[in-house]
Amino acid sequence: MTPILIQAGNQEYEALVGSQLLEEIGSLVAQKLRRPRCAVVSDENVAPLFAQTVLRSLTSAGFQPALITVPAGERSKSLGRAEEICQQMSEAGLDRSSFLIALGGGMVGDLGGFAAAIYHRGIPCVQVPTTLLAQVDSSIGGKTAVNIAAGKNLIGAWHQPALVISDVDTLATLPPRERKQGFAEIVKHAIIRDAKMFEMLQHFDGQDLAALVRRNVAIKAAIVAADERETKGERALLNFGHTIGHAIERAGDLLDLMHGEAVSLGIVAACEISVRKAGLAEMERDRILSTLVDFDLPTRLPADFPREKILEAIRFDKKFERQEVRFVVTPAIGSARVATDVTINDIRIAIAEL
C-alpha cells in the first residue's frame, strides 16, 4: 500500500487506500499522532458496523477513544449538532491535546471535521470515509462545513486532516443507491481531468475498486496542491456539476436526492451549457450522459420537482459572487475551465431541459 501524499499549502498529509485498514487504524494513527485521547464521531448507520473494530484497534495502540454518535442524514450537519459534539468531547475529558476521528460518509466527515476545526480553536482530525463518494472526494482537501437554512455548507472552516484512511472493505456494506452516487464524483473527475479514466469507466466491472479510489484521490490531491483554498481558479474545477447540483439539493430541501444524484443532474446541465458556451461536442455530451446512465445515475428531474426553486437557490451558492456565477464548463472530456460568460438565463435554460 503506497500512501498518496497530499500537499495543501504548508501542510502535508497522507491518504491510505486499501483493504482491512480499520483493523490496523490504531497503529496507523499512532505513526502520525502521539496524543492519548480521541473522539470517534460516527452516525447511527455506520457506528454499529465499524465503531467497535475502530475502538478496539485504537485501544490496543494505547489510545483512549470516546465514541460520539449522531443521527444519520443531512439534517445532522448543523451548528447545533457540532456544538453537541464539542460538548460531549469536553464531558469525556478531551482537551487541546486530543484529536478526532470522523468515521462515516460525507456528512460525518464534514461535521466531524468542522467540530475538530473549532474545538479548542482546532485539534487534529483523521478522516476515515466509509462511502465511495467520501473516499474519492469529500475526505480530501480540508473543506469542513455545516448547513444553515440559507444554504448548504455556508458555515465552515478550512481544516486539513492529519491523515485519511480509506478502507475499501467498508464499501461492501453500502446500499446500492449509496454506492452508485459515489460514481457521480468519479465521472466528474474523469470529465475535468482524466480522459483515460473516462474511457476505463466505459468498461468498469467493479474489480479493483481500490485502484479506482486511489486514482481519484490522486486527481483531487493534485488539484488541492495547486489551489488549496480555491483562490487561483484551479480548485474551482472540482465544482463542475455542483452549482446546479447544490441548488437542486436545496430546492428539494436536501431530502429528495442524494448528493451524488444531484451532482449527476448538475453534470447534465453543465454539459448542456458547455455545448453552447465552451464548444463541447454533442457526441461527447451524449457519451457523458450515457456513462451516468450506465451507473444508474439520474439524468432527468422528476416531473413534480419544484424546478422554479432551483434558480432561486443558485443565488445562495458560494460560487455566486457579485451577482455573477463562476460556472465550470468542459470543452472536451478530460479538461475544464471556469467560464466568465455563463448567464443566469443560460442556467435557466439548462434547468428547464432537465
Protein backbone atom coordinates (compact mmCIF):
# COMPACT_ATOMS: atom_id res chain seq x y z
CA MET A 1 0.00 0.00 0.00
CA THR A 2 1.67 3.18 -1.22
CA PRO A 3 0.45 6.33 0.56
CA ILE A 4 -0.81 9.19 -1.58
CA LEU A 5 0.92 12.36 -0.47
CA ILE A 6 -1.30 15.44 -0.32
CA GLN A 7 0.27 18.89 -0.18
CA ALA A 8 -2.08 21.67 0.94
CA GLY A 9 -0.37 24.99 1.45
CA ASN A 10 2.25 24.45 4.13
CA GLN A 11 0.60 21.23 5.31
CA GLU A 12 1.33 17.73 4.12
CA TYR A 13 -0.54 14.55 4.91
CA GLU A 14 -1.13 11.06 3.55
CA ALA A 15 -4.15 9.22 2.23
CA LEU A 16 -4.07 5.45 2.66
CA VAL A 17 -6.31 3.34 0.43
CA GLY A 18 -6.55 -0.41 0.84
CA SER A 19 -8.23 -3.38 2.47
CA GLN A 20 -8.52 -4.34 6.15
CA LEU A 21 -7.31 -0.93 7.28
CA LEU A 22 -9.87 -0.47 10.06
CA GLU A 23 -8.28 -3.35 11.98
CA GLU A 24 -4.96 -1.51 11.77
CA ILE A 25 -6.22 2.00 12.40
CA GLY A 26 -4.64 2.23 15.86
CA SER A 27 -1.11 1.55 14.61
CA LEU A 28 -1.62 3.70 11.51
CA VAL A 29 -2.76 6.68 13.56
CA ALA A 30 -0.01 6.12 16.14
CA GLN A 31 2.57 6.72 13.41
CA LYS A 32 1.19 10.23 12.92
CA LEU A 33 -0.28 11.33 16.26
CA ARG A 34 1.07 10.84 19.77
CA ARG A 35 -1.93 12.34 21.58
CA PRO A 36 -3.56 9.99 24.12
CA ARG A 37 -7.27 10.86 23.90
CA CYS A 38 -9.54 10.97 20.89
CA ALA A 39 -13.18 11.17 19.91
CA VAL A 40 -14.59 8.84 17.25
CA VAL A 41 -17.52 10.63 15.63
CA SER A 42 -19.87 8.44 13.61
CA ASP A 43 -23.56 8.16 12.78
CA GLU A 44 -26.26 5.68 13.72
CA ASN A 45 -25.89 3.74 10.47
CA VAL A 46 -22.10 3.42 10.42
CA ALA A 47 -21.28 3.05 14.13
CA PRO A 48 -22.97 -0.36 14.55
CA LEU A 49 -20.95 -1.69 11.60
CA PHE A 50 -17.45 -0.39 12.27
CA ALA A 51 -17.12 1.52 15.54
CA GLN A 52 -16.18 -1.42 17.75
CA THR A 53 -13.44 -2.52 15.35
CA VAL A 54 -12.02 1.01 15.35
CA LEU A 55 -12.30 1.40 19.12
CA ARG A 56 -10.56 -1.94 19.77
CA SER A 57 -7.71 -1.08 17.43
CA LEU A 58 -7.26 2.37 18.96
CA THR A 59 -7.31 0.96 22.50
CA SER A 60 -4.78 -1.72 21.58
CA ALA A 61 -2.48 1.02 20.28
CA GLY A 62 -2.68 2.85 23.62
CA PHE A 63 -5.28 5.49 22.78
CA GLN A 64 -8.28 6.34 24.96
CA PRO A 65 -11.17 6.73 22.49
CA ALA A 66 -14.67 8.06 23.21
CA LEU A 67 -17.44 7.22 20.74
CA ILE A 68 -19.85 10.02 19.80
CA THR A 69 -22.78 9.00 17.61
CA VAL A 70 -25.10 11.37 15.74
CA PRO A 71 -28.31 10.64 13.85
CA ALA A 72 -27.77 9.65 10.23
CA GLY A 73 -28.77 12.03 7.47
CA GLU A 74 -28.05 15.53 6.20
CA ARG A 75 -30.08 17.19 8.97
CA SER A 76 -27.29 16.31 11.41
CA LYS A 77 -24.92 18.61 9.52
CA SER A 78 -25.88 21.61 11.62
CA LEU A 79 -24.36 24.11 14.05
CA GLY A 80 -26.41 22.63 16.86
CA ARG A 81 -25.06 19.14 16.25
CA ALA A 82 -21.48 20.47 16.04
CA GLU A 83 -21.99 22.13 19.41
CA GLU A 84 -23.29 18.85 20.87
CA ILE A 85 -20.17 17.04 19.65
CA CYS A 86 -17.93 19.66 21.25
CA GLN A 87 -19.90 19.41 24.49
CA GLN A 88 -19.58 15.61 24.55
CA MET A 89 -15.86 15.83 23.87
CA SER A 90 -15.49 18.20 26.81
CA GLU A 91 -17.50 15.90 29.07
CA ALA A 92 -15.28 12.98 28.02
CA GLY A 93 -12.20 14.89 29.15
CA LEU A 94 -10.82 15.71 25.72
CA ASP A 95 -8.71 18.86 25.58
CA ARG A 96 -6.47 20.64 23.09
CA SER A 97 -4.03 17.72 23.17
CA SER A 98 -6.72 15.36 21.83
CA PHE A 99 -7.80 14.54 18.28
CA LEU A 100 -10.95 13.50 16.43
CA ILE A 101 -11.64 10.64 14.04
CA ALA A 102 -14.52 11.13 11.59
CA LEU A 103 -15.83 7.64 10.79
CA GLY A 104 -18.53 7.68 8.14
CA GLY A 105 -19.72 9.22 4.91
CA GLY A 106 -19.54 12.77 3.67
CA MET A 107 -21.92 14.17 6.28
CA VAL A 108 -19.86 12.75 9.15
CA GLY A 109 -16.63 13.90 7.52
CA ASP A 110 -17.90 17.45 7.10
CA LEU A 111 -19.48 17.63 10.56
CA GLY A 112 -16.65 15.89 12.40
CA GLY A 113 -14.03 17.90 10.55
CA PHE A 114 -15.83 21.13 11.41
CA ALA A 115 -16.07 20.16 15.09
CA ALA A 116 -12.33 19.41 15.09
CA ALA A 117 -11.65 22.78 13.45
CA ILE A 118 -13.46 24.75 16.17
CA TYR A 119 -12.83 22.68 19.33
CA HIS A 120 -10.13 24.44 21.37
CA ARG A 121 -9.56 26.51 18.22
CA GLY A 122 -8.58 23.40 16.32
CA ILE A 123 -7.47 19.85 17.05
CA PRO A 124 -6.20 17.27 14.53
CA CYS A 125 -8.76 15.28 12.55
CA VAL A 126 -8.34 11.86 10.96
CA GLN A 127 -10.80 11.24 8.15
CA VAL A 128 -11.98 7.62 7.84
CA PRO A 129 -14.51 7.70 4.98
CA THR A 130 -16.79 4.69 4.63
CA THR A 131 -18.68 5.62 1.45
CA LEU A 132 -17.41 5.70 -2.11
CA LEU A 133 -18.30 9.37 -2.50
CA ALA A 134 -16.40 10.35 0.64
CA GLN A 135 -13.38 8.21 -0.25
CA VAL A 136 -12.94 9.69 -3.72
CA ASP A 137 -13.88 13.26 -2.90
CA SER A 138 -15.05 14.87 0.32
CA SER A 139 -12.44 13.37 2.69
CA ILE A 140 -9.65 15.02 0.70
CA GLY A 141 -8.88 18.72 0.70
CA GLY A 142 -9.80 20.13 4.10
CA LYS A 143 -13.25 21.56 3.40
CA THR A 144 -15.42 21.20 6.50
CA ALA A 145 -18.83 22.77 6.97
CA VAL A 146 -22.38 22.60 8.24
CA ASN A 147 -25.62 23.70 6.62
CA ILE A 148 -27.96 26.51 7.64
CA ALA A 149 -31.40 27.43 6.38
CA ALA A 150 -29.91 29.82 3.82
CA GLY A 151 -27.89 27.11 2.11
CA LYS A 152 -25.59 24.11 2.08
CA ASN A 153 -22.07 24.37 3.58
CA LEU A 154 -22.38 28.10 4.28
CA ILE A 155 -20.68 27.89 7.68
CA GLY A 156 -17.36 26.10 7.66
CA ALA A 157 -13.62 26.15 8.06
CA TRP A 158 -10.55 25.00 6.18
CA HIS A 159 -9.13 22.17 8.28
CA GLN A 160 -6.85 19.73 6.52
CA PRO A 161 -6.87 16.23 8.04
CA ALA A 162 -3.82 14.80 9.72
CA LEU A 163 -4.42 11.52 7.89
CA VAL A 164 -7.03 9.93 5.60
CA ILE A 165 -7.69 6.18 5.89
CA SER A 166 -9.95 4.69 3.21
CA ASP A 167 -10.75 1.02 3.78
CA VAL A 168 -12.49 -0.18 0.62
CA ASP A 169 -13.92 -3.16 2.52
CA THR A 170 -16.45 -0.76 4.06
CA LEU A 171 -17.94 -0.19 0.61
CA ALA A 172 -19.34 -3.75 0.58
CA THR A 173 -21.85 -2.70 3.23
CA LEU A 174 -23.29 0.20 1.20
CA PRO A 175 -26.85 0.03 -0.09
CA PRO A 176 -26.84 0.03 -3.92
CA ARG A 177 -28.16 3.59 -4.16
CA GLU A 178 -25.45 4.90 -1.82
CA ARG A 179 -22.73 3.10 -3.75
CA LYS A 180 -23.96 4.38 -7.12
CA GLN A 181 -23.99 8.02 -6.07
CA GLY A 182 -20.23 7.87 -5.49
CA PHE A 183 -19.70 7.32 -9.20
CA ALA A 184 -21.05 10.81 -9.92
CA GLU A 185 -17.90 12.30 -8.41
CA ILE A 186 -15.74 9.74 -10.23
CA VAL A 187 -17.33 10.66 -13.56
CA LYS A 188 -16.83 14.33 -12.68
CA HIS A 189 -13.12 13.79 -12.04
CA ALA A 190 -12.80 11.99 -15.37
CA ILE A 191 -14.55 14.82 -17.22
CA ILE A 192 -12.44 17.61 -15.76
CA ARG A 193 -9.02 15.94 -15.61
CA ASP A 194 -8.68 12.33 -16.84
CA ALA A 195 -9.91 11.30 -20.29
CA LYS A 196 -8.23 7.89 -19.94
CA MET A 197 -10.19 7.16 -16.77
CA PHE A 198 -13.37 8.17 -18.59
CA GLU A 199 -12.59 5.52 -21.22
CA MET A 200 -11.88 2.99 -18.47
CA LEU A 201 -15.25 3.69 -16.87
CA GLN A 202 -16.98 2.52 -20.07
CA HIS A 203 -15.79 -1.00 -19.21
CA PHE A 204 -15.54 -0.88 -15.41
CA ASP A 205 -16.76 -4.14 -13.92
CA GLY A 206 -16.32 -3.34 -10.23
CA GLN A 207 -12.99 -5.12 -9.93
CA ASP A 208 -10.02 -3.47 -8.19
CA LEU A 209 -12.10 -0.74 -6.65
CA ALA A 210 -9.10 0.28 -4.53
CA ALA A 211 -7.17 1.24 -7.67
CA LEU A 212 -10.09 3.37 -8.86
CA VAL A 213 -10.33 5.12 -5.48
CA ARG A 214 -6.57 5.77 -5.48
CA ARG A 215 -6.74 7.26 -8.97
CA ASN A 216 -9.48 9.66 -7.92
CA VAL A 217 -7.70 10.62 -4.71
CA ALA A 218 -4.61 11.41 -6.76
CA ILE A 219 -6.64 13.66 -9.08
CA LYS A 220 -8.12 15.62 -6.22
CA ALA A 221 -4.78 15.76 -4.40
CA ALA A 222 -3.13 17.35 -7.44
CA ILE A 223 -5.85 19.98 -7.72
CA VAL A 224 -5.76 20.76 -3.99
CA ALA A 225 -1.98 21.10 -4.12
CA ALA A 226 -2.29 23.64 -6.93
CA ASP A 227 -5.01 25.72 -5.24
CA GLU A 228 -5.68 24.82 -1.61
CA ARG A 229 -8.27 27.50 -0.83
CA GLU A 230 -9.82 27.99 -4.25
CA THR A 231 -8.17 31.35 -4.87
CA LYS A 232 -6.43 30.64 -8.20
CA GLY A 233 -9.27 29.04 -10.16
CA GLU A 234 -7.79 25.53 -10.29
CA ARG A 235 -9.73 24.10 -7.35
CA ALA A 236 -12.93 25.65 -8.69
CA LEU A 237 -12.82 22.99 -11.41
CA LEU A 238 -13.95 20.48 -8.78
CA ASN A 239 -17.25 22.36 -8.74
CA PHE A 240 -18.17 21.03 -12.18
CA GLY A 241 -21.81 19.97 -11.90
CA HIS A 242 -22.09 21.36 -8.38
CA THR A 243 -23.51 24.85 -8.94
CA ILE A 244 -26.79 23.46 -10.23
CA GLY A 245 -26.39 20.22 -8.24
CA HIS A 246 -26.27 22.06 -4.91
CA ALA A 247 -29.22 24.20 -5.99
CA ILE A 248 -31.21 21.04 -6.75
CA GLU A 249 -30.38 19.73 -3.27
CA ARG A 250 -31.54 22.98 -1.70
CA ALA A 251 -34.69 23.11 -3.80
CA GLY A 252 -35.50 19.60 -2.67
CA ASP A 253 -34.82 20.55 0.98
CA LEU A 254 -31.74 18.26 0.98
CA LEU A 255 -34.00 15.23 1.25
CA ASP A 256 -35.29 14.11 -2.14
CA LEU A 257 -31.98 13.36 -3.82
CA MET A 258 -28.62 12.14 -2.58
CA HIS A 259 -25.66 14.45 -3.18
CA GLY A 260 -24.23 12.31 -5.98
CA GLU A 261 -27.63 12.09 -7.67
CA ALA A 262 -27.96 15.88 -7.57
CA VAL A 263 -24.41 16.24 -8.91
CA SER A 264 -25.27 13.85 -11.75
CA LEU A 265 -28.13 16.15 -12.73
CA GLY A 266 -25.81 19.14 -12.35
CA ILE A 267 -23.32 17.45 -14.68
CA VAL A 268 -26.06 17.02 -17.29
CA ALA A 269 -26.95 20.71 -17.05
CA ALA A 270 -23.29 21.75 -17.12
CA CYS A 271 -22.76 19.69 -20.26
CA GLU A 272 -25.70 21.39 -21.97
CA ILE A 273 -24.20 24.77 -21.10
CA SER A 274 -20.78 23.55 -22.23
CA VAL A 275 -22.15 22.66 -25.66
CA ARG A 276 -23.38 26.24 -26.09
CA LYS A 277 -20.61 28.12 -24.31
CA ALA A 278 -17.45 26.00 -24.45
CA GLY A 279 -17.68 24.07 -27.71
CA LEU A 280 -18.28 20.66 -26.16
CA ALA A 281 -19.20 18.30 -28.99
CA GLU A 282 -22.72 16.94 -28.78
CA MET A 283 -21.30 13.44 -29.26
CA GLU A 284 -19.12 13.88 -26.14
CA ARG A 285 -22.09 15.27 -24.21
CA ASP A 286 -24.08 12.18 -25.18
CA ARG A 287 -21.22 9.90 -24.06
CA ILE A 288 -21.20 11.60 -20.67
CA LEU A 289 -24.95 11.19 -20.27
CA SER A 290 -24.70 7.56 -21.34
CA THR A 291 -21.98 6.92 -18.75
CA LEU A 292 -24.14 8.41 -16.00
CA VAL A 293 -26.99 6.16 -17.08
CA ASP A 294 -24.66 3.15 -17.08
CA PHE A 295 -24.02 3.80 -13.38
CA ASP A 296 -27.75 4.15 -12.79
CA LEU A 297 -27.49 7.86 -12.01
CA PRO A 298 -30.32 10.27 -12.84
CA THR A 299 -30.17 12.50 -15.92
CA ARG A 300 -33.69 13.95 -15.66
CA LEU A 301 -35.52 15.58 -12.78
CA PRO A 302 -38.76 14.03 -11.55
CA ALA A 303 -41.77 15.60 -13.25
CA ASP A 304 -43.09 17.01 -9.98
CA PHE A 305 -39.77 18.50 -8.81
CA PRO A 306 -40.08 22.24 -7.93
CA ARG A 307 -37.86 23.49 -10.76
CA GLU A 308 -38.67 27.13 -10.07
CA LYS A 309 -36.89 26.82 -6.72
CA ILE A 310 -33.61 25.71 -8.30
CA LEU A 311 -32.82 29.09 -9.84
CA GLU A 312 -33.70 30.81 -6.57
CA ALA A 313 -31.29 28.52 -4.75
CA ILE A 314 -28.44 29.33 -7.17
CA ARG A 315 -28.24 32.81 -5.64
CA PHE A 316 -27.36 31.34 -2.26
CA ASP A 317 -24.48 29.31 -3.67
CA LYS A 318 -20.98 30.24 -2.52
CA LYS A 319 -19.93 30.36 -6.18
CA PHE A 320 -22.39 33.22 -6.86
CA GLU A 321 -20.27 36.30 -6.27
CA ARG A 322 -21.11 39.94 -7.01
CA GLN A 323 -24.22 38.73 -8.81
CA GLU A 324 -22.04 36.66 -11.15
CA VAL A 325 -21.79 32.87 -11.30
CA ARG A 326 -18.36 31.23 -11.53
CA PHE A 327 -19.56 28.37 -13.70
CA VAL A 328 -17.32 25.45 -14.65
CA VAL A 329 -17.62 24.17 -18.22
CA THR A 330 -15.90 21.43 -20.18
CA PRO A 331 -14.74 21.99 -23.77
CA ALA A 332 -13.83 18.29 -24.08
CA ILE A 333 -13.73 15.20 -21.88
CA GLY A 334 -10.58 15.44 -19.77
CA SER A 335 -10.49 19.21 -19.41
CA ALA A 336 -12.44 22.02 -17.79
CA ARG A 337 -12.28 25.75 -17.17
CA VAL A 338 -14.15 28.46 -15.29
CA ALA A 339 -16.36 30.37 -17.71
CA THR A 340 -16.91 34.11 -17.49
CA ASP A 341 -19.82 34.31 -19.92
CA VAL A 342 -22.41 31.92 -18.47
CA THR A 343 -25.53 33.88 -17.60
CA ILE A 344 -28.46 33.18 -15.33
CA ASN A 345 -30.52 32.74 -18.47
CA ASP A 346 -28.14 30.01 -19.67
CA ILE A 347 -28.65 28.25 -16.37
CA ARG A 348 -32.41 28.75 -16.58
CA ILE A 349 -32.49 27.06 -19.99
CA ALA A 350 -30.34 24.14 -18.78
CA ILE A 351 -32.60 23.62 -15.77
CA ALA A 352 -35.68 23.65 -18.00
CA GLU A 353 -34.09 20.92 -20.15
CA LEU A 354 -33.65 18.72 -17.08
